[in-house]
Every structure is written in structure tokens, then in C-alpha cells.
Amino acid sequence: MFSAELDIILLNLVLALVAYLSVYPALAGNDLNKIALYDLGTSGIALGIVGYHYWGSEVQFNILLADVNWFWFTLISYAAIEFPMMLWYFKKHGVKMK
């Protein structure tokens, strides 16, 4: 229905929203180490779902200036979506960088 890029971006958006609005406040609070651990899990879920569909395929994804494989597109787009949410969460919950 949508392009492959949009499907991955929407998946990443949903995962990041659930993580930062529900999971992290309940399980991590303002503990940076817990947030980092849960974030590894969240990005791993995204990579697992996308990898299930595209592993071994020759599909290329356009990420502005270059064509990349599913792994890099998922990781880069997740980071781009997550970064502003992370800044908002850190400010709201008083997370201190150690």
C-alpha cells in the first residue's frame, strides 16, 4: 500500500511513541542506564521486524543522499525520529547525563 520507506518510518514512529510515552516512564523513569537498555531493546525490535521482511533481499532504500540497505535505513530513520523525543523526555523527567 505505502512505499517500503514509509512503512519503516511509520513502524519506527509507533515504536518510539510507545517507548517514550508509556514504557520508559513506567520502567525507566529518569535512570539513564535503564533508558539506554530499553532503547537498545526497542531499536532491536524495529530491526527484527524490518529484517524479517527484507533480510536477504536486494531492496535499496533512499535516505536523502544515498541508497542503503534495510538495516541502515531502519537504524538511521529510528535515530532521526527518536532524537527529538529523547530530548523532550530528558527535559520532562529530569534525566541527567553522567
N, C-alpha and C. Protein backbone atom coordinates (compact mmCIF):
# COMPACT_ATOMS: atom_id res chain seq x y z
N MET A 1 0.83 -1.19 0.00
CA MET A 1 0.00 0.00 0.00
C MET A 1 0.87 1.26 0.00
N PHE A 2 1.75 1.38 0.99
CA PHE A 2 2.68 2.50 1.06
C PHE A 2 4.02 2.06 0.51
N SER A 3 4.92 3.00 0.35
CA SER A 3 6.27 2.63 -0.06
C SER A 3 6.98 1.94 1.11
N ALA A 4 8.01 1.19 0.80
CA ALA A 4 8.74 0.48 1.85
C ALA A 4 9.35 1.46 2.85
N GLU A 5 9.85 2.59 2.36
CA GLU A 5 10.42 3.60 3.26
C GLU A 5 9.39 4.13 4.25
N LEU A 6 8.20 4.43 3.74
CA LEU A 6 7.15 4.96 4.62
C LEU A 6 6.71 3.92 5.63
N ASP A 7 6.64 2.66 5.23
CA ASP A 7 6.28 1.59 6.17
C ASP A 7 7.27 1.54 7.33
N ILE A 8 8.55 1.62 7.02
CA ILE A 8 9.57 1.55 8.07
C ILE A 8 9.53 2.80 8.95
N ILE A 9 9.33 3.95 8.36
CA ILE A 9 9.25 5.19 9.14
C ILE A 9 8.04 5.15 10.08
N LEU A 10 6.91 4.68 9.60
CA LEU A 10 5.72 4.58 10.45
C LEU A 10 5.94 3.57 11.59
N LEU A 11 6.57 2.44 11.29
CA LEU A 11 6.90 1.47 12.34
C LEU A 11 7.79 2.11 13.39
N ASN A 12 8.84 2.80 12.96
CA ASN A 12 9.75 3.45 13.90
C ASN A 12 9.03 4.52 14.73
N LEU A 13 8.15 5.27 14.10
CA LEU A 13 7.40 6.30 14.82
C LEU A 13 6.52 5.68 15.90
N VAL A 14 5.81 4.63 15.56
CA VAL A 14 4.94 3.96 16.54
C VAL A 14 5.76 3.39 17.69
N LEU A 15 6.85 2.71 17.38
CA LEU A 15 7.70 2.14 18.43
C LEU A 15 8.26 3.23 19.34
N ALA A 16 8.74 4.32 18.78
CA ALA A 16 9.31 5.40 19.59
C ALA A 16 8.24 6.07 20.45
N LEU A 17 7.05 6.28 19.90
CA LEU A 17 5.97 6.88 20.69
C LEU A 17 5.57 5.99 21.85
N VAL A 18 5.40 4.71 21.61
CA VAL A 18 5.05 3.78 22.69
C VAL A 18 6.15 3.76 23.74
N ALA A 19 7.39 3.73 23.29
CA ALA A 19 8.51 3.68 24.23
C ALA A 19 8.57 4.93 25.10
N TYR A 20 8.54 6.11 24.49
CA TYR A 20 8.75 7.35 25.24
C TYR A 20 7.52 7.83 25.99
N LEU A 21 6.34 7.41 25.58
CA LEU A 21 5.13 7.86 26.26
C LEU A 21 4.58 6.84 27.25
N SER A 22 5.01 5.59 27.16
CA SER A 22 4.44 4.56 28.01
C SER A 22 5.50 3.73 28.73
N VAL A 23 6.37 3.10 27.98
CA VAL A 23 7.30 2.14 28.56
C VAL A 23 8.37 2.82 29.41
N TYR A 24 9.07 3.78 28.87
CA TYR A 24 10.16 4.41 29.61
C TYR A 24 9.68 5.12 30.89
N PRO A 25 8.59 5.88 30.86
CA PRO A 25 8.16 6.49 32.12
C PRO A 25 7.82 5.45 33.19
N ALA A 26 7.23 4.33 32.79
CA ALA A 26 6.83 3.32 33.76
C ALA A 26 8.01 2.48 34.26
N LEU A 27 8.95 2.16 33.39
CA LEU A 27 10.01 1.23 33.76
C LEU A 27 11.37 1.87 34.01
N ALA A 28 11.65 3.00 33.39
CA ALA A 28 12.99 3.59 33.50
C ALA A 28 13.02 4.88 34.29
N GLY A 29 11.94 5.64 34.26
CA GLY A 29 11.93 6.92 34.96
C GLY A 29 13.01 7.84 34.44
N ASN A 30 13.89 8.30 35.37
CA ASN A 30 14.97 9.20 34.94
C ASN A 30 16.34 8.54 35.03
N ASP A 31 16.36 7.21 35.04
CA ASP A 31 17.61 6.44 35.09
C ASP A 31 18.16 6.27 33.67
N LEU A 32 19.25 6.95 33.38
CA LEU A 32 19.84 6.95 32.04
C LEU A 32 20.24 5.54 31.60
N ASN A 33 20.78 4.74 32.51
CA ASN A 33 21.20 3.39 32.14
C ASN A 33 20.01 2.52 31.74
N LYS A 34 18.91 2.63 32.46
CA LYS A 34 17.72 1.86 32.11
C LYS A 34 17.13 2.34 30.78
N ILE A 35 17.12 3.64 30.57
CA ILE A 35 16.61 4.18 29.30
C ILE A 35 17.45 3.64 28.14
N ALA A 36 18.77 3.65 28.30
CA ALA A 36 19.66 3.15 27.25
C ALA A 36 19.42 1.67 26.99
N LEU A 37 19.25 0.89 28.05
CA LEU A 37 19.00 -0.55 27.89
C LEU A 37 17.68 -0.81 27.18
N TYR A 38 16.62 -0.13 27.62
CA TYR A 38 15.31 -0.32 26.97
C TYR A 38 15.33 0.21 25.54
N ASP A 39 16.12 1.23 25.29
CA ASP A 39 16.20 1.76 23.93
C ASP A 39 16.90 0.78 23.00
N LEU A 40 17.90 0.07 23.50
CA LEU A 40 18.53 -0.98 22.69
C LEU A 40 17.50 -2.04 22.32
N GLY A 41 16.65 -2.38 23.29
CA GLY A 41 15.59 -3.36 23.00
C GLY A 41 14.60 -2.85 21.98
N THR A 42 14.21 -1.59 22.10
CA THR A 42 13.25 -1.00 21.17
C THR A 42 13.81 -0.94 19.76
N SER A 43 15.04 -0.49 19.63
CA SER A 43 15.63 -0.45 18.29
C SER A 43 15.86 -1.87 17.76
N GLY A 44 16.14 -2.81 18.64
CA GLY A 44 16.26 -4.21 18.23
C GLY A 44 14.96 -4.78 17.71
N ILE A 45 13.85 -4.38 18.32
CA ILE A 45 12.53 -4.80 17.83
C ILE A 45 12.30 -4.26 16.42
N ALA A 46 12.62 -3.00 16.22
CA ALA A 46 12.46 -2.41 14.88
C ALA A 46 13.31 -3.14 13.86
N LEU A 47 14.57 -3.40 14.20
CA LEU A 47 15.46 -4.10 13.27
C LEU A 47 14.98 -5.53 13.03
N GLY A 48 14.45 -6.17 14.06
CA GLY A 48 13.95 -7.53 13.90
C GLY A 48 12.75 -7.61 12.97
N ILE A 49 11.81 -6.70 13.15
CA ILE A 49 10.61 -6.69 12.30
C ILE A 49 10.98 -6.39 10.85
N VAL A 50 11.77 -5.37 10.64
CA VAL A 50 12.15 -5.00 9.27
C VAL A 50 13.04 -6.08 8.66
N GLY A 51 13.96 -6.61 9.45
CA GLY A 51 14.83 -7.67 8.95
C GLY A 51 14.07 -8.91 8.54
N TYR A 52 13.00 -9.23 9.26
CA TYR A 52 12.17 -10.38 8.90
C TYR A 52 11.62 -10.23 7.49
N HIS A 53 11.29 -9.03 7.10
CA HIS A 53 10.71 -8.79 5.78
C HIS A 53 11.77 -8.61 4.68
N TYR A 54 12.92 -8.03 5.01
CA TYR A 54 13.86 -7.64 3.96
C TYR A 54 15.21 -8.36 3.99
N TRP A 55 15.46 -9.22 4.98
CA TRP A 55 16.74 -9.92 5.07
C TRP A 55 16.96 -10.72 3.79
N GLY A 56 18.11 -10.58 3.20
CA GLY A 56 18.46 -11.32 2.01
C GLY A 56 17.92 -10.73 0.71
N SER A 57 17.14 -9.70 0.83
CA SER A 57 16.61 -9.07 -0.39
C SER A 57 17.61 -8.02 -0.88
N GLU A 58 17.47 -7.67 -2.09
CA GLU A 58 18.34 -6.65 -2.69
C GLU A 58 17.66 -5.28 -2.72
N VAL A 59 16.60 -5.11 -1.93
CA VAL A 59 15.85 -3.86 -1.91
C VAL A 59 16.74 -2.75 -1.37
N GLN A 60 16.76 -1.63 -2.05
CA GLN A 60 17.52 -0.46 -1.63
C GLN A 60 16.54 0.62 -1.17
N PHE A 61 16.91 1.33 -0.13
CA PHE A 61 16.08 2.38 0.44
C PHE A 61 16.79 3.71 0.27
N ASN A 62 16.05 4.72 -0.13
CA ASN A 62 16.62 6.04 -0.37
C ASN A 62 16.58 6.84 0.92
N ILE A 63 17.75 7.26 1.37
CA ILE A 63 17.83 8.09 2.57
C ILE A 63 18.53 9.40 2.20
N LEU A 64 17.78 10.24 1.53
CA LEU A 64 18.19 11.56 1.07
C LEU A 64 19.32 11.54 0.05
N LEU A 65 20.55 11.31 0.48
CA LEU A 65 21.68 11.44 -0.43
C LEU A 65 22.22 10.11 -0.94
N ALA A 66 21.70 9.00 -0.43
CA ALA A 66 22.27 7.71 -0.81
C ALA A 66 21.20 6.63 -0.74
N ASP A 67 21.49 5.53 -1.40
CA ASP A 67 20.66 4.34 -1.28
C ASP A 67 21.37 3.39 -0.32
N VAL A 68 20.62 2.87 0.65
CA VAL A 68 21.18 1.98 1.66
C VAL A 68 20.31 0.75 1.78
N ASN A 69 20.82 -0.26 2.49
CA ASN A 69 20.01 -1.46 2.70
C ASN A 69 19.04 -1.25 3.86
N TRP A 70 18.22 -2.27 4.13
CA TRP A 70 17.16 -2.15 5.14
C TRP A 70 17.72 -1.86 6.52
N PHE A 71 18.87 -2.47 6.86
CA PHE A 71 19.45 -2.30 8.19
C PHE A 71 19.78 -0.84 8.47
N TRP A 72 20.52 -0.22 7.56
CA TRP A 72 20.94 1.17 7.77
C TRP A 72 19.77 2.13 7.69
N PHE A 73 18.83 1.87 6.79
CA PHE A 73 17.67 2.75 6.70
C PHE A 73 16.87 2.71 8.00
N THR A 74 16.65 1.52 8.54
CA THR A 74 15.90 1.38 9.79
C THR A 74 16.62 2.07 10.93
N LEU A 75 17.91 1.83 11.06
CA LEU A 75 18.68 2.41 12.16
C LEU A 75 18.76 3.93 12.07
N ILE A 76 19.04 4.46 10.90
CA ILE A 76 19.17 5.91 10.74
C ILE A 76 17.82 6.60 10.91
N SER A 77 16.76 6.04 10.34
CA SER A 77 15.45 6.68 10.48
C SER A 77 14.95 6.58 11.91
N TYR A 78 15.24 5.48 12.62
CA TYR A 78 14.84 5.38 14.02
C TYR A 78 15.57 6.43 14.85
N ALA A 79 16.85 6.60 14.62
CA ALA A 79 17.62 7.61 15.36
C ALA A 79 17.10 9.01 15.09
N ALA A 80 16.76 9.30 13.85
CA ALA A 80 16.24 10.63 13.50
C ALA A 80 14.89 10.90 14.14
N ILE A 81 14.06 9.87 14.24
CA ILE A 81 12.75 10.02 14.88
C ILE A 81 12.90 10.11 16.39
N GLU A 82 13.81 9.31 16.93
CA GLU A 82 13.96 9.22 18.38
C GLU A 82 14.61 10.45 19.00
N PHE A 83 15.55 11.07 18.32
CA PHE A 83 16.34 12.15 18.93
C PHE A 83 15.49 13.27 19.53
N PRO A 84 14.52 13.86 18.79
CA PRO A 84 13.72 14.91 19.42
C PRO A 84 12.87 14.40 20.59
N MET A 85 12.40 13.16 20.49
CA MET A 85 11.63 12.59 21.60
C MET A 85 12.51 12.40 22.82
N MET A 86 13.76 11.99 22.60
CA MET A 86 14.69 11.80 23.69
C MET A 86 14.97 13.13 24.40
N LEU A 87 15.21 14.19 23.63
CA LEU A 87 15.45 15.50 24.24
C LEU A 87 14.26 15.95 25.07
N TRP A 88 13.06 15.77 24.54
CA TRP A 88 11.84 16.13 25.27
C TRP A 88 11.72 15.31 26.55
N TYR A 89 11.94 14.00 26.46
CA TYR A 89 11.82 13.11 27.61
C TYR A 89 12.84 13.47 28.68
N PHE A 90 14.09 13.71 28.28
CA PHE A 90 15.13 14.05 29.25
C PHE A 90 14.80 15.34 29.98
N LYS A 91 14.28 16.32 29.27
CA LYS A 91 13.91 17.59 29.90
C LYS A 91 12.72 17.40 30.84
N LYS A 92 11.71 16.68 30.39
CA LYS A 92 10.49 16.50 31.18
C LYS A 92 10.75 15.70 32.45
N HIS A 93 11.58 14.67 32.37
CA HIS A 93 11.79 13.77 33.50
C HIS A 93 13.09 14.06 34.26
N GLY A 94 13.78 15.10 33.89
CA GLY A 94 15.00 15.49 34.61
C GLY A 94 16.12 14.47 34.53
N VAL A 95 16.29 13.87 33.38
CA VAL A 95 17.37 12.89 33.20
C VAL A 95 18.69 13.64 33.08
N LYS A 96 19.64 13.23 33.89
CA LYS A 96 20.96 13.86 33.89
C LYS A 96 21.95 12.97 33.17
N MET A 97 22.73 13.57 32.28
CA MET A 97 23.81 12.85 31.60
C MET A 97 24.97 12.72 32.59
N LYS A 98 25.48 11.54 32.76
CA LYS A 98 26.54 11.31 33.76
C LYS A 98 27.90 11.57 33.20
